[in-house]
């Protein structure tokens, strides 16, 4: 039964609806971007002699780079698999 007593027959589940699925993919991408900060920061740290960047300088760059890459990948996936 849905809200107000209406029947849910013939309707998809809330969790399998297209809008919720897209939101879950985006949320998962944001979560992955938090984990991606470390490897991207590691690359910056390993190349710090060449780039002359201190950790305080490249942490923000690594954060935004991981966020943008993860979110752009999620958006590309959503657009590619949407029907």
Protein backbone atom coordinates (compact mmCIF):
# COMPACT_ATOMS: atom_id res chain seq x y z
CA UNK A 1 0.00 0.00 0.00
CA UNK A 2 1.25 3.42 -0.85
CA UNK A 3 0.59 6.64 1.00
CA UNK A 4 -3.07 7.57 1.27
CA UNK A 5 -4.19 3.97 0.74
CA UNK A 6 -3.51 3.82 -3.00
CA UNK A 7 -2.25 0.56 -4.40
CA UNK A 8 1.35 0.09 -5.52
CA UNK A 9 0.46 -2.59 -8.05
CA UNK A 10 2.09 -2.01 -11.40
CA UNK A 11 4.59 0.44 -10.00
CA UNK A 12 8.30 -0.23 -9.59
CA UNK A 13 9.84 -0.31 -6.17
CA UNK A 14 11.20 2.97 -4.81
CA UNK A 15 14.73 1.56 -4.77
CA UNK A 16 14.56 0.38 -8.36
CA UNK A 17 13.04 3.53 -9.79
CA UNK A 18 15.23 5.32 -12.28
CA UNK A 19 15.57 8.56 -10.30
CA UNK A 20 16.66 6.84 -7.12
CA UNK A 21 19.12 4.65 -8.98
CA UNK A 22 20.77 7.71 -10.49
CA UNK A 23 20.98 9.36 -7.07
CA UNK A 24 22.53 6.25 -5.57
CA UNK A 25 25.14 6.10 -8.32
CA UNK A 26 26.03 9.75 -7.69
CA UNK A 27 26.23 9.20 -3.92
CA UNK A 28 28.44 6.15 -4.40
CA UNK A 29 30.73 8.18 -6.68
CA UNK A 30 31.07 10.86 -4.02
CA UNK A 31 31.99 8.18 -1.49
CA UNK A 32 34.58 6.75 -3.84
CA UNK A 33 36.05 10.20 -4.41
CA UNK A 34 36.85 10.46 -0.69
CA UNK A 35 38.87 7.26 -0.97
CA UNK A 36 40.54 8.43 -4.17
CA UNK A 37 42.07 11.47 -2.48
CA UNK A 38 44.85 9.34 -0.95
CA UNK A 39 46.19 7.74 -4.15
CA UNK A 40 45.98 11.02 -6.06
CA UNK A 41 47.69 12.79 -3.16
CA UNK A 42 50.32 10.03 -3.22
CA UNK A 43 51.07 10.80 -6.84
CA UNK A 44 51.48 14.47 -5.98
CA UNK A 45 53.66 13.56 -2.99
CA UNK A 46 55.86 11.29 -5.14
CA UNK A 47 56.35 14.06 -7.69
CA UNK A 48 56.75 16.88 -5.17
CA UNK A 49 60.45 17.30 -6.00
CA UNK A 50 59.54 17.95 -9.63
CA UNK A 51 56.48 20.11 -8.98
CA UNK A 52 57.88 21.94 -5.93
CA UNK A 53 54.47 21.61 -4.21
CA UNK A 54 54.23 21.12 -0.46
CA UNK A 55 51.51 18.81 0.95
CA UNK A 56 49.45 21.82 2.04
CA UNK A 57 49.52 23.00 -1.57
CA UNK A 58 48.46 19.82 -3.34
CA UNK A 59 45.90 18.41 -0.90
CA UNK A 60 43.16 20.72 -2.18
CA UNK A 61 44.08 19.94 -5.77
CA UNK A 62 43.98 16.21 -5.03
CA UNK A 63 40.60 16.55 -3.30
CA UNK A 64 38.94 18.41 -6.16
CA UNK A 65 40.57 16.28 -8.81
CA UNK A 66 39.30 13.08 -7.19
CA UNK A 67 35.82 14.56 -6.74
CA UNK A 68 35.55 15.78 -10.33
CA UNK A 69 36.92 12.56 -11.84
CA UNK A 70 34.60 10.35 -9.78
CA UNK A 71 31.53 12.49 -10.37
CA UNK A 72 32.22 12.87 -14.10
CA UNK A 73 32.65 9.10 -14.41
CA UNK A 74 29.34 8.54 -12.61
CA UNK A 75 27.54 11.04 -14.85
CA UNK A 76 29.01 9.41 -17.96
CA UNK A 77 27.86 6.00 -16.69
CA UNK A 78 24.35 7.31 -15.99
CA UNK A 79 24.07 8.87 -19.45
CA UNK A 80 25.45 5.78 -21.16
CA UNK A 81 23.18 3.29 -19.39
CA UNK A 82 20.00 5.36 -19.25
CA UNK A 83 17.18 4.08 -21.37
